[in-house]
Amino acid sequence: LWNQIPVKDRGDGAALTLEIPPGTKLERGTLTGVTCSTKPGEAALFTLTPDAPGSEPLTLKSERFSVGFSDSFWWGEDHYTPCYHLTGHTAIVAYKPEGMQLVSLEVRDDLPASKTAAPATAPSH
């Protein structure tokens, strides 16, 4: 996102950087499914439909995960659970391709449209 901001508009402060754990891939898309198990030790499953046209949905699993969310996200940490409130939201995930292990999940409601996303259609009158 930082690179999409014109240099003249970036300000004088240091850019925030996203630490990508070694051996992980990043993907941006929409969470189209979240399944949490009630059994101890069973992984939660997250289905992400990537923004890139023609991409297949990814099913990622995790027994433990952290969820970050933007300041403009309308639920506070004490008013939502990832098992019930994340489906349909834009997310950026970091995952390990071998085993499709979810490493980090960032849920956003204020990301600008992806350059690879399909353009919105105008409503008909």
Protein backbone atom coordinates (compact mmCIF):
# COMPACT_ATOMS: atom_id res chain seq x y z
CA LEU A 1 0.00 0.00 0.00
CA TRP A 2 2.86 2.37 0.86
CA ASN A 3 4.19 2.18 -2.68
CA GLN A 4 0.78 3.21 -4.06
CA ILE A 5 1.01 6.57 -2.24
CA PRO A 6 2.71 9.24 -4.38
CA VAL A 7 6.13 10.12 -2.94
CA LYS A 8 5.12 13.78 -2.47
CA ASP A 9 2.20 12.65 -0.23
CA ARG A 10 4.13 10.27 2.04
CA GLY A 11 5.24 12.77 4.65
CA ASP A 12 8.55 12.95 6.49
CA GLY A 13 8.09 10.11 9.00
CA ALA A 14 9.43 6.62 8.65
CA ALA A 15 7.26 4.18 6.70
CA LEU A 16 5.57 1.41 8.62
CA THR A 17 6.91 -1.94 7.54
CA LEU A 18 5.29 -5.33 7.63
CA GLU A 19 7.54 -8.04 8.98
CA ILE A 20 7.09 -11.13 6.87
CA PRO A 21 8.15 -14.29 8.70
CA PRO A 22 10.69 -16.38 6.76
CA GLY A 23 9.19 -19.03 4.49
CA THR A 24 5.78 -17.36 4.26
CA LYS A 25 3.72 -15.97 1.41
CA LEU A 26 1.35 -13.00 1.56
CA GLU A 27 -2.06 -12.97 -0.03
CA ARG A 28 -4.80 -10.35 -0.05
CA GLY A 29 -8.45 -11.17 -0.57
CA THR A 30 -11.81 -11.70 1.08
CA LEU A 31 -12.45 -14.12 3.91
CA THR A 32 -15.22 -16.31 2.52
CA GLY A 33 -15.33 -18.83 5.33
CA VAL A 34 -14.16 -19.33 8.91
CA THR A 35 -14.64 -22.61 10.74
CA CYS A 36 -13.58 -23.01 14.37
CA SER A 37 -13.53 -26.34 16.16
CA THR A 38 -14.80 -26.81 19.68
CA LYS A 39 -12.40 -29.72 20.16
CA PRO A 40 -9.04 -28.89 21.80
CA GLY A 41 -6.09 -29.24 19.44
CA GLU A 42 -8.15 -29.07 16.24
CA ALA A 43 -7.26 -26.31 13.83
CA ALA A 44 -9.47 -23.41 12.80
CA LEU A 45 -9.94 -23.17 9.03
CA PHE A 46 -9.93 -19.88 7.12
CA THR A 47 -10.96 -19.69 3.47
CA LEU A 48 -9.56 -16.69 1.62
CA THR A 49 -10.65 -15.85 -1.92
CA PRO A 50 -7.70 -13.90 -3.38
CA ASP A 51 -8.25 -10.58 -5.16
CA ALA A 52 -6.27 -11.71 -8.22
CA PRO A 53 -8.72 -12.71 -10.99
CA GLY A 54 -8.81 -16.46 -11.61
CA SER A 55 -7.14 -17.34 -8.30
CA GLU A 56 -8.44 -20.38 -6.46
CA PRO A 57 -9.63 -19.95 -2.86
CA LEU A 58 -7.05 -20.84 -0.21
CA THR A 59 -7.98 -22.88 2.85
CA LEU A 60 -5.55 -22.11 5.64
CA LYS A 61 -5.41 -23.80 9.02
CA SER A 62 -4.16 -22.70 12.38
CA GLU A 63 -4.33 -23.94 15.95
CA ARG A 64 -3.08 -20.56 17.18
CA PHE A 65 -3.22 -17.31 15.27
CA SER A 66 -3.15 -13.61 15.86
CA VAL A 67 -5.66 -11.26 14.33
CA GLY A 68 -4.86 -7.62 13.65
CA PHE A 69 -7.50 -5.14 12.57
CA SER A 70 -7.61 -1.53 11.52
CA ASP A 71 -8.65 1.30 13.80
CA SER A 72 -11.71 1.82 11.64
CA PHE A 73 -12.92 -1.76 12.08
CA TRP A 74 -16.15 -1.43 14.03
CA TRP A 75 -15.65 -4.24 16.58
CA GLY A 76 -13.26 -3.87 19.48
CA GLU A 77 -11.25 -6.84 20.72
CA ASP A 78 -13.79 -7.52 23.44
CA HIS A 79 -16.81 -7.45 21.08
CA TYR A 80 -15.98 -9.99 18.40
CA THR A 81 -14.58 -13.43 17.84
CA PRO A 82 -12.73 -14.47 14.69
CA CYS A 83 -14.95 -17.57 14.51
CA TYR A 84 -18.13 -15.56 13.87
CA HIS A 85 -17.39 -12.02 12.69
CA LEU A 86 -14.77 -12.14 9.95
CA THR A 87 -16.51 -13.75 6.96
CA GLY A 88 -16.91 -11.24 4.13
CA HIS A 89 -14.12 -8.92 5.25
CA THR A 90 -10.97 -7.96 3.38
CA ALA A 91 -7.87 -9.59 4.81
CA ILE A 92 -4.16 -9.91 4.28
CA VAL A 93 -2.77 -13.27 5.34
CA ALA A 94 0.74 -14.58 5.77
CA TYR A 95 0.94 -18.35 5.45
CA LYS A 96 3.39 -21.19 4.98
CA PRO A 97 2.59 -22.94 1.68
CA GLU A 98 3.69 -26.35 2.96
CA GLY A 99 0.78 -27.45 5.09
CA MET A 100 -1.15 -24.22 4.33
CA GLN A 101 -0.44 -22.98 7.87
CA LEU A 102 -1.82 -19.54 8.71
CA VAL A 103 0.87 -17.40 10.35
CA SER A 104 -0.83 -14.02 10.57
CA LEU A 105 -4.19 -12.52 9.69
CA GLU A 106 -4.79 -8.79 9.22
CA VAL A 107 -8.45 -7.86 8.78
CA ARG A 108 -9.20 -4.49 7.24
CA ASP A 109 -12.21 -2.50 6.18
CA ASP A 110 -10.34 0.48 4.76
CA LEU A 111 -8.00 -0.99 2.14
CA PRO A 112 -8.11 0.75 -1.22
CA ALA A 113 -9.26 -1.41 -4.10
CA SER A 114 -6.58 -3.76 -5.35
CA LYS A 115 -5.19 -2.92 -8.78
CA THR A 116 -5.84 -6.55 -9.74
CA ALA A 117 -9.44 -6.61 -8.46
CA ALA A 118 -12.25 -6.49 -10.98
CA PRO A 119 -13.66 -2.97 -11.46
CA ALA A 120 -16.95 -2.19 -9.79
CA THR A 121 -19.94 -1.97 -12.07
CA ALA A 122 -22.18 1.07 -12.07
CA PRO A 123 -25.72 0.52 -10.83
CA SER A 124 -28.37 0.46 -13.53
CA HIS A 125 -31.14 3.05 -13.37
